[in-house]
Amino acid sequence: MTLVQAAAQAVPVAVPTEAPTVKLDLVALLGTAAWPVRITIGLLVFCSLLVWIIAALKLMQLGRLHASENDFERRAMRVGSVKELFELAESRGSAPGARVVGALYVRGSGAQLERLRAVADRAILTESQSARALMWFLAFIAAGAPFIGLFGTVYGIMDAFVRIGNAKTASLPVVAPAIGEALITTAIGLAAAIPAVFFYNWLDKRVGDYVSELEAAAGEWVALVAEQGEAIELVGKARR
């Protein structure tokens, strides 16, 4: 055996070991977070829950509006006179179209075509505002949640620098908790903002389609009322 072979056998061979598995413990990380970071995260979680609650409420509301309006329009297509249209609106008062026709009956008696259109536009605007209620919350959260998360991020980085100054070292055990808190606030801010943007755009599209359909149907009702304007006065006298 040569000297080289003996030396090679004498040198111990290092066996590679597996790196330890690092797990992200959010509960422990938030438990040691500073109060401003905790308040920021709590606000973002509340905003995230609010997004889903508002989205569910608006989807149910728009579903009811579409169902009632489609039923009213199907029935209104079969009427042939203003009297029948007003009677249908009175029996289907919960439908948006019925409220538009009701406004034409109350405020458009004996009016000219331009006034009838203005009355219908005003009623449609009221329906549009009702359909868009609470949507400004989604817009506010979509625009504000990332900045709220950014505030937590900035505070976490400031906290990291303070810890470095106190410990006089920039080792990972010193700065990692503060940096982790900062990144968590950013992630939660995005988790609140992204669904808010999605639901706002989706709901805005549905409301736009609903208002467009209502405007198209109202145009037919205004034309019918204008053509049979005298019948409005006759119906009004009969009901008095």
C-alpha atoms as a PDB file:
ATOM      1  CA  MET A   1       0.000   0.000   0.000  1.00  0.00           C
ATOM      2  CA  THR A   2       1.414   3.294  -1.035  1.00  0.00           C
ATOM      3  CA  LEU A   3       1.623   6.348   1.155  1.00  0.00           C
ATOM      4  CA  VAL A   4      -1.058   8.121  -0.952  1.00  0.00           C
ATOM      5  CA  GLN A   5      -3.546   5.272  -0.462  1.00  0.00           C
ATOM      6  CA  ALA A   6      -2.861   5.177   3.257  1.00  0.00           C
ATOM      7  CA  ALA A   7      -3.402   8.908   3.585  1.00  0.00           C
ATOM      8  CA  ALA A   8      -6.663   8.702   1.627  1.00  0.00           C
ATOM      9  CA  GLN A   9      -7.968   5.996   3.958  1.00  0.00           C
ATOM     10  CA  ALA A  10      -6.908   7.954   7.017  1.00  0.00           C
ATOM     11  CA  VAL A  11      -8.831  11.109   6.023  1.00  0.00           C
ATOM     12  CA  PRO A  12     -12.486  10.858   7.151  1.00  0.00           C
ATOM     13  CA  VAL A  13     -15.063  11.399   4.426  1.00  0.00           C
ATOM     14  CA  ALA A  14     -17.755  13.977   5.276  1.00  0.00           C
ATOM     15  CA  VAL A  15     -21.214  12.586   4.779  1.00  0.00           C
ATOM     16  CA  PRO A  16     -23.687  15.264   3.527  1.00  0.00           C
ATOM     17  CA  THR A  17     -26.544  15.847   5.912  1.00  0.00           C
ATOM     18  CA  GLU A  18     -30.019  17.038   5.002  1.00  0.00           C
ATOM     19  CA  ALA A  19     -30.832  20.654   5.701  1.00  0.00           C
ATOM     20  CA  PRO A  20     -33.305  21.135   8.538  1.00  0.00           C
ATOM     21  CA  THR A  21     -36.881  21.730   7.459  1.00  0.00           C
ATOM     22  CA  VAL A  22     -38.041  25.244   8.238  1.00  0.00           C
ATOM     23  CA  LYS A  23     -41.761  25.755   8.787  1.00  0.00           C
ATOM     24  CA  LEU A  24     -43.631  29.039   8.798  1.00  0.00           C
ATOM     25  CA  ASP A  25     -45.516  29.344  12.081  1.00  0.00           C
ATOM     26  CA  LEU A  26     -47.905  32.260  11.602  1.00  0.00           C
ATOM     27  CA  VAL A  27     -49.423  31.952  15.068  1.00  0.00           C
ATOM     28  CA  ALA A  28     -46.057  32.148  16.806  1.00  0.00           C
ATOM     29  CA  LEU A  29     -44.923  34.946  14.522  1.00  0.00           C
ATOM     30  CA  LEU A  30     -48.027  37.032  15.144  1.00  0.00           C
ATOM     31  CA  GLY A  31     -47.832  36.296  18.854  1.00  0.00           C
ATOM     32  CA  THR A  32     -44.504  38.110  19.052  1.00  0.00           C
ATOM     33  CA  ALA A  33     -45.504  40.908  16.656  1.00  0.00           C
ATOM     34  CA  ALA A  34     -45.683  44.521  17.778  1.00  0.00           C
ATOM     35  CA  TRP A  35     -49.088  46.019  18.539  1.00  0.00           C
ATOM     36  CA  PRO A  36     -49.175  48.285  15.454  1.00  0.00           C
ATOM     37  CA  VAL A  37     -48.582  45.227  13.278  1.00  0.00           C
ATOM     38  CA  ARG A  38     -51.291  43.272  15.087  1.00  0.00           C
ATOM     39  CA  ILE A  39     -53.778  46.121  14.670  1.00  0.00           C
ATOM     40  CA  THR A  40     -52.901  46.384  10.977  1.00  0.00           C
ATOM     41  CA  ILE A  41     -53.380  42.660  10.439  1.00  0.00           C
ATOM     42  CA  GLY A  42     -56.676  42.721  12.352  1.00  0.00           C
ATOM     43  CA  LEU A  43     -57.941  45.564  10.166  1.00  0.00           C
ATOM     44  CA  LEU A  44     -56.916  43.738   6.999  1.00  0.00           C
ATOM     45  CA  VAL A  45     -58.601  40.517   8.125  1.00  0.00           C
ATOM     46  CA  PHE A  46     -61.786  42.489   8.838  1.00  0.00           C
ATOM     47  CA  CYS A  47     -61.609  44.065   5.375  1.00  0.00           C
ATOM     48  CA  SER A  48     -61.127  40.648   3.797  1.00  0.00           C
ATOM     49  CA  LEU A  49     -64.193  39.251   5.566  1.00  0.00           C
ATOM     50  CA  LEU A  50     -66.164  42.352   4.586  1.00  0.00           C
ATOM     51  CA  VAL A  51     -65.306  41.794   0.928  1.00  0.00           C
ATOM     52  CA  TRP A  52     -66.788  38.295   0.921  1.00  0.00           C
ATOM     53  CA  ILE A  53     -69.883  39.345   2.885  1.00  0.00           C
ATOM     54  CA  ILE A  54     -70.612  42.271   0.556  1.00  0.00           C
ATOM     55  CA  ALA A  55     -69.986  40.124  -2.517  1.00  0.00           C
ATOM     56  CA  ALA A  56     -72.439  37.474  -1.273  1.00  0.00           C
ATOM     57  CA  LEU A  57     -75.102  40.081  -0.458  1.00  0.00           C
ATOM     58  CA  LYS A  58     -74.735  41.837  -3.810  1.00  0.00           C
ATOM     59  CA  LEU A  59     -74.856  38.593  -5.770  1.00  0.00           C
ATOM     60  CA  MET A  60     -78.085  37.613  -4.021  1.00  0.00           C
ATOM     61  CA  GLN A  61     -79.551  41.083  -4.555  1.00  0.00           C
ATOM     62  CA  LEU A  62     -78.691  41.135  -8.260  1.00  0.00           C
ATOM     63  CA  GLY A  63     -80.038  37.621  -8.644  1.00  0.00           C
ATOM     64  CA  ARG A  64     -83.397  38.693  -7.197  1.00  0.00           C
ATOM     65  CA  LEU A  65     -83.470  41.845  -9.337  1.00  0.00           C
ATOM     66  CA  HIS A  66     -82.729  39.928 -12.524  1.00  0.00           C
ATOM     67  CA  ALA A  67     -85.340  37.278 -11.767  1.00  0.00           C
ATOM     68  CA  SER A  68     -88.112  39.756 -10.938  1.00  0.00           C
ATOM     69  CA  GLU A  69     -87.251  42.038 -13.861  1.00  0.00           C
ATOM     70  CA  ASN A  70     -87.160  39.199 -16.391  1.00  0.00           C
ATOM     71  CA  ASP A  71     -90.563  37.994 -15.173  1.00  0.00           C
ATOM     72  CA  PHE A  72     -92.019  41.521 -15.419  1.00  0.00           C
ATOM     73  CA  GLU A  73     -90.622  42.096 -18.915  1.00  0.00           C
ATOM     74  CA  ARG A  74     -91.998  38.779 -20.167  1.00  0.00           C
ATOM     75  CA  ARG A  75     -95.448  39.763 -18.918  1.00  0.00           C
ATOM     76  CA  ALA A  76     -95.106  43.334 -20.196  1.00  0.00           C
ATOM     77  CA  MET A  77     -94.392  42.086 -23.730  1.00  0.00           C
ATOM     78  CA  ARG A  78     -97.903  40.630 -23.842  1.00  0.00           C
ATOM     79  CA  VAL A  79     -99.748  43.821 -22.885  1.00  0.00           C
ATOM     80  CA  GLY A  80    -101.324  45.943 -25.589  1.00  0.00           C
ATOM     81  CA  SER A  81    -102.422  49.073 -23.792  1.00  0.00           C
ATOM     82  CA  VAL A  82    -101.272  51.535 -21.177  1.00  0.00           C
ATOM     83  CA  LYS A  83    -104.037  50.448 -18.847  1.00  0.00           C
ATOM     84  CA  GLU A  84    -102.847  46.838 -18.901  1.00  0.00           C
ATOM     85  CA  LEU A  85     -99.244  47.981 -18.409  1.00  0.00           C
ATOM     86  CA  PHE A  86    -100.160  50.040 -15.343  1.00  0.00           C
ATOM     87  CA  GLU A  87    -102.214  47.199 -13.897  1.00  0.00           C
ATOM     88  CA  LEU A  88     -99.306  44.815 -14.407  1.00  0.00           C
ATOM     89  CA  ALA A  89     -96.937  47.264 -12.705  1.00  0.00           C
ATOM     90  CA  GLU A  90     -99.310  47.548  -9.762  1.00  0.00           C
ATOM     91  CA  SER A  91     -99.480  43.779  -9.340  1.00  0.00           C
ATOM     92  CA  ARG A  92     -95.681  43.327  -9.725  1.00  0.00           C
ATOM     93  CA  GLY A  93     -94.521  46.251  -7.631  1.00  0.00           C
ATOM     94  CA  SER A  94     -91.299  44.545  -6.477  1.00  0.00           C
ATOM     95  CA  ALA A  95     -89.828  44.446 -10.005  1.00  0.00           C
ATOM     96  CA  PRO A  96     -87.549  47.342 -11.034  1.00  0.00           C
ATOM     97  CA  GLY A  97     -89.455  47.732 -14.280  1.00  0.00           C
ATOM     98  CA  ALA A  98     -92.709  47.976 -12.371  1.00  0.00           C
ATOM     99  CA  ARG A  99     -91.299  50.879 -10.359  1.00  0.00           C
ATOM    100  CA  VAL A 100     -90.258  52.625 -13.588  1.00  0.00           C
ATOM    101  CA  VAL A 101     -93.754  52.194 -15.025  1.00  0.00           C
ATOM    102  CA  GLY A 102     -95.211  53.385 -11.731  1.00  0.00           C
ATOM    103  CA  ALA A 103     -93.141  56.561 -11.998  1.00  0.00           C
ATOM    104  CA  LEU A 104     -94.485  57.096 -15.502  1.00  0.00           C
ATOM    105  CA  TYR A 105     -98.030  56.745 -14.189  1.00  0.00           C
ATOM    106  CA  VAL A 106     -97.549  59.059 -11.205  1.00  0.00           C
ATOM    107  CA  ARG A 107     -95.395  61.771 -12.780  1.00  0.00           C
ATOM    108  CA  GLY A 108     -96.003  61.378 -16.512  1.00  0.00           C
ATOM    109  CA  SER A 109     -99.764  61.750 -16.766  1.00  0.00           C
ATOM    110  CA  GLY A 110    -100.504  63.849 -19.839  1.00  0.00           C
ATOM    111  CA  ALA A 111     -96.804  64.655 -20.363  1.00  0.00           C
ATOM    112  CA  GLN A 112     -94.941  64.975 -23.627  1.00  0.00           C
ATOM    113  CA  LEU A 113     -92.415  62.438 -24.887  1.00  0.00           C
ATOM    114  CA  GLU A 114     -89.357  64.313 -23.603  1.00  0.00           C
ATOM    115  CA  ARG A 115     -90.798  64.562 -20.110  1.00  0.00           C
ATOM    116  CA  LEU A 116     -91.719  60.882 -20.150  1.00  0.00           C
ATOM    117  CA  ARG A 117     -88.122  60.018 -21.063  1.00  0.00           C
ATOM    118  CA  ALA A 118     -86.808  62.240 -18.270  1.00  0.00           C
ATOM    119  CA  VAL A 119     -89.142  60.576 -15.754  1.00  0.00           C
ATOM    120  CA  ALA A 120     -88.009  57.123 -16.912  1.00  0.00           C
ATOM    121  CA  ASP A 121     -84.325  58.125 -16.774  1.00  0.00           C
ATOM    122  CA  ARG A 122     -84.771  59.394 -13.222  1.00  0.00           C
ATOM    123  CA  ALA A 123     -86.448  56.163 -12.135  1.00  0.00           C
ATOM    124  CA  ILE A 124     -83.722  54.094 -13.812  1.00  0.00           C
ATOM    125  CA  LEU A 125     -81.043  56.161 -12.061  1.00  0.00           C
ATOM    126  CA  THR A 126     -82.682  55.385  -8.721  1.00  0.00           C
ATOM    127  CA  GLU A 127     -82.672  51.679  -9.559  1.00  0.00           C
ATOM    128  CA  SER A 128     -79.026  51.864 -10.624  1.00  0.00           C
ATOM    129  CA  GLN A 129     -78.016  53.558  -7.376  1.00  0.00           C
ATOM    130  CA  SER A 130     -79.850  50.901  -5.398  1.00  0.00           C
ATOM    131  CA  ALA A 131     -78.124  48.118  -7.343  1.00  0.00           C
ATOM    132  CA  ARG A 132     -74.699  49.704  -6.767  1.00  0.00           C
ATOM    133  CA  ALA A 133     -75.176  50.178  -3.028  1.00  0.00           C
ATOM    134  CA  LEU A 134     -72.222  48.953  -0.911  1.00  0.00           C
ATOM    135  CA  MET A 135     -70.011  48.573  -3.971  1.00  0.00           C
ATOM    136  CA  TRP A 136     -67.996  51.597  -2.891  1.00  0.00           C
ATOM    137  CA  PHE A 137     -66.770  49.471   0.030  1.00  0.00           C
ATOM    138  CA  LEU A 138     -65.232  47.047  -2.462  1.00  0.00           C
ATOM    139  CA  ALA A 139     -63.575  49.913  -4.340  1.00  0.00           C
ATOM    140  CA  PHE A 140     -62.241  51.367  -1.092  1.00  0.00           C
ATOM    141  CA  ILE A 141     -60.805  48.034   0.064  1.00  0.00           C
ATOM    142  CA  ALA A 142     -59.333  47.290  -3.375  1.00  0.00           C
ATOM    143  CA  ALA A 143     -57.537  50.635  -3.370  1.00  0.00           C
ATOM    144  CA  GLY A 144     -56.686  50.923   0.327  1.00  0.00           C
ATOM    145  CA  ALA A 145     -55.830  47.404   1.514  1.00  0.00           C
ATOM    146  CA  PRO A 146     -52.401  47.258  -0.218  1.00  0.00           C
ATOM    147  CA  PHE A 147     -51.430  50.583   1.375  1.00  0.00           C
ATOM    148  CA  ILE A 148     -52.611  49.428   4.793  1.00  0.00           C
ATOM    149  CA  GLY A 149     -50.455  46.334   4.343  1.00  0.00           C
ATOM    150  CA  LEU A 150     -47.590  48.560   3.224  1.00  0.00           C
ATOM    151  CA  PHE A 151     -47.858  50.481   6.503  1.00  0.00           C
ATOM    152  CA  GLY A 152     -47.357  47.213   8.397  1.00  0.00           C
ATOM    153  CA  THR A 153     -44.439  46.392   6.125  1.00  0.00           C
ATOM    154  CA  VAL A 154     -42.736  49.718   6.782  1.00  0.00           C
ATOM    155  CA  TYR A 155     -43.263  49.379  10.525  1.00  0.00           C
ATOM    156  CA  GLY A 156     -41.846  45.854  10.474  1.00  0.00           C
ATOM    157  CA  ILE A 157     -38.713  47.024   8.670  1.00  0.00           C
ATOM    158  CA  MET A 158     -38.314  49.900  11.141  1.00  0.00           C
ATOM    159  CA  ASP A 159     -38.660  47.385  13.974  1.00  0.00           C
ATOM    160  CA  ALA A 160     -35.934  45.275  12.341  1.00  0.00           C
ATOM    161  CA  PHE A 161     -33.538  48.227  12.305  1.00  0.00           C
ATOM    162  CA  VAL A 162     -34.331  48.978  15.944  1.00  0.00           C
ATOM    163  CA  ARG A 163     -33.538  45.369  16.887  1.00  0.00           C
ATOM    164  CA  ILE A 164     -30.271  45.556  14.948  1.00  0.00           C
ATOM    165  CA  GLY A 165     -29.328  48.671  16.853  1.00  0.00           C
ATOM    166  CA  ASN A 166     -30.162  47.140  20.230  1.00  0.00           C
ATOM    167  CA  ALA A 167     -28.378  43.849  19.517  1.00  0.00           C
ATOM    168  CA  LYS A 168     -25.510  45.516  17.605  1.00  0.00           C
ATOM    169  CA  THR A 169     -25.654  42.731  15.075  1.00  0.00           C
ATOM    170  CA  ALA A 170     -27.564  42.051  11.862  1.00  0.00           C
ATOM    171  CA  SER A 171     -27.825  38.296  12.292  1.00  0.00           C
ATOM    172  CA  LEU A 172     -30.917  36.463  11.037  1.00  0.00           C
ATOM    173  CA  PRO A 173     -32.294  35.602  14.510  1.00  0.00           C
ATOM    174  CA  VAL A 174     -32.432  39.335  15.193  1.00  0.00           C
ATOM    175  CA  VAL A 175     -34.014  40.640  11.975  1.00  0.00           C
ATOM    176  CA  ALA A 176     -35.977  37.615  10.727  1.00  0.00           C
ATOM    177  CA  PRO A 177     -39.032  37.998  13.039  1.00  0.00           C
ATOM    178  CA  ALA A 178     -39.519  41.665  12.177  1.00  0.00           C
ATOM    179  CA  ILE A 179     -39.064  41.050   8.451  1.00  0.00           C
ATOM    180  CA  GLY A 180     -41.519  38.148   8.669  1.00  0.00           C
ATOM    181  CA  GLU A 181     -44.125  40.373  10.315  1.00  0.00           C
ATOM    182  CA  ALA A 182     -43.638  42.953   7.581  1.00  0.00           C
ATOM    183  CA  LEU A 183     -44.088  40.457   4.762  1.00  0.00           C
ATOM    184  CA  ILE A 184     -47.173  38.932   6.382  1.00  0.00           C
ATOM    185  CA  THR A 185     -48.943  42.295   6.472  1.00  0.00           C
ATOM    186  CA  THR A 186     -48.166  42.765   2.781  1.00  0.00           C
ATOM    187  CA  ALA A 187     -49.532  39.318   1.941  1.00  0.00           C
ATOM    188  CA  ILE A 188     -52.742  39.847   3.928  1.00  0.00           C
ATOM    189  CA  GLY A 189     -53.216  43.260   2.300  1.00  0.00           C
ATOM    190  CA  LEU A 190     -53.027  41.646  -1.136  1.00  0.00           C
ATOM    191  CA  ALA A 191     -55.320  38.824  -0.001  1.00  0.00           C
ATOM    192  CA  ALA A 192     -57.951  41.452   0.851  1.00  0.00           C
ATOM    193  CA  ALA A 193     -57.421  43.651  -2.217  1.00  0.00           C
ATOM    194  CA  ILE A 194     -57.354  41.023  -4.975  1.00  0.00           C
ATOM    195  CA  PRO A 195     -60.848  39.555  -4.259  1.00  0.00           C
ATOM    196  CA  ALA A 196     -62.180  43.105  -3.834  1.00  0.00           C
ATOM    197  CA  VAL A 197     -60.963  44.055  -7.321  1.00  0.00           C
ATOM    198  CA  PHE A 198     -62.357  40.846  -8.816  1.00  0.00           C
ATOM    199  CA  PHE A 199     -65.788  41.158  -7.207  1.00  0.00           C
ATOM    200  CA  TYR A 200     -66.056  44.880  -7.929  1.00  0.00           C
ATOM    201  CA  ASN A 201     -65.388  44.393 -11.646  1.00  0.00           C
ATOM    202  CA  TRP A 202     -67.689  41.387 -11.843  1.00  0.00           C
ATOM    203  CA  LEU A 203     -70.544  43.095  -9.985  1.00  0.00           C
ATOM    204  CA  ASP A 204     -70.062  46.314 -11.939  1.00  0.00           C
ATOM    205  CA  LYS A 205     -70.414  44.331 -15.176  1.00  0.00           C
ATOM    206  CA  ARG A 206     -73.603  42.673 -13.944  1.00  0.00           C
ATOM    207  CA  VAL A 207     -75.088  45.974 -12.780  1.00  0.00           C
ATOM    208  CA  GLY A 208     -74.211  47.555 -16.119  1.00  0.00           C
ATOM    209  CA  ASP A 209     -75.973  44.764 -18.011  1.00  0.00           C
ATOM    210  CA  TYR A 210     -78.986  45.014 -15.713  1.00  0.00           C
ATOM    211  CA  VAL A 211     -79.275  48.801 -16.193  1.00  0.00           C
ATOM    212  CA  SER A 212     -78.864  48.473 -19.975  1.00  0.00           C
ATOM    213  CA  GLU A 213     -81.679  45.925 -20.144  1.00  0.00           C
ATOM    214  CA  LEU A 214     -83.873  48.156 -17.991  1.00  0.00           C
ATOM    215  CA  GLU A 215     -83.158  51.181 -20.196  1.00  0.00           C
ATOM    216  CA  ALA A 216     -84.047  49.224 -23.343  1.00  0.00           C
ATOM    217  CA  ALA A 217     -87.322  48.000 -21.858  1.00  0.00           C
ATOM    218  CA  ALA A 218     -88.147  51.478 -20.511  1.00  0.00           C
ATOM    219  CA  GLY A 219     -87.768  52.874 -24.012  1.00  0.00           C
ATOM    220  CA  GLU A 220     -90.599  50.627 -25.194  1.00  0.00           C
ATOM    221  CA  TRP A 221     -92.782  51.576 -22.232  1.00  0.00           C
ATOM    222  CA  VAL A 222     -92.204  55.281 -22.796  1.00  0.00           C
ATOM    223  CA  ALA A 223     -93.125  54.890 -26.462  1.00  0.00           C
ATOM    224  CA  LEU A 224     -96.304  53.023 -25.535  1.00  0.00           C
ATOM    225  CA  VAL A 225     -97.285  55.649 -22.974  1.00  0.00           C
ATOM    226  CA  ALA A 226     -96.548  58.464 -25.440  1.00  0.00           C
ATOM    227  CA  GLU A 227     -98.648  56.824 -28.153  1.00  0.00           C
ATOM    228  CA  GLN A 228    -101.577  56.278 -25.821  1.00  0.00           C
ATOM    229  CA  GLY A 229    -101.186  59.402 -23.715  1.00  0.00           C
ATOM    230  CA  GLU A 230    -104.879  59.996 -23.483  1.00  0.00           C
ATOM    231  CA  ALA A 231    -105.374  56.622 -21.877  1.00  0.00           C
ATOM    232  CA  ILE A 232    -103.236  57.725 -18.912  1.00  0.00           C
ATOM    233  CA  GLU A 233    -105.734  60.408 -17.996  1.00  0.00           C
ATOM    234  CA  LEU A 234    -108.634  58.002 -18.427  1.00  0.00           C
ATOM    235  CA  VAL A 235    -107.008  55.429 -16.138  1.00  0.00           C
ATOM    236  CA  GLY A 236    -106.186  58.134 -13.588  1.00  0.00           C
ATOM    237  CA  LYS A 237    -109.771  59.343 -13.509  1.00  0.00           C
ATOM    238  CA  ALA A 238    -111.122  55.807 -13.223  1.00  0.00           C
ATOM    239  CA  ARG A 239    -108.871  55.089 -10.197  1.00  0.00           C
ATOM    240  CA  ARG A 240    -109.809  58.299  -8.473  1.00  0.00           C
END
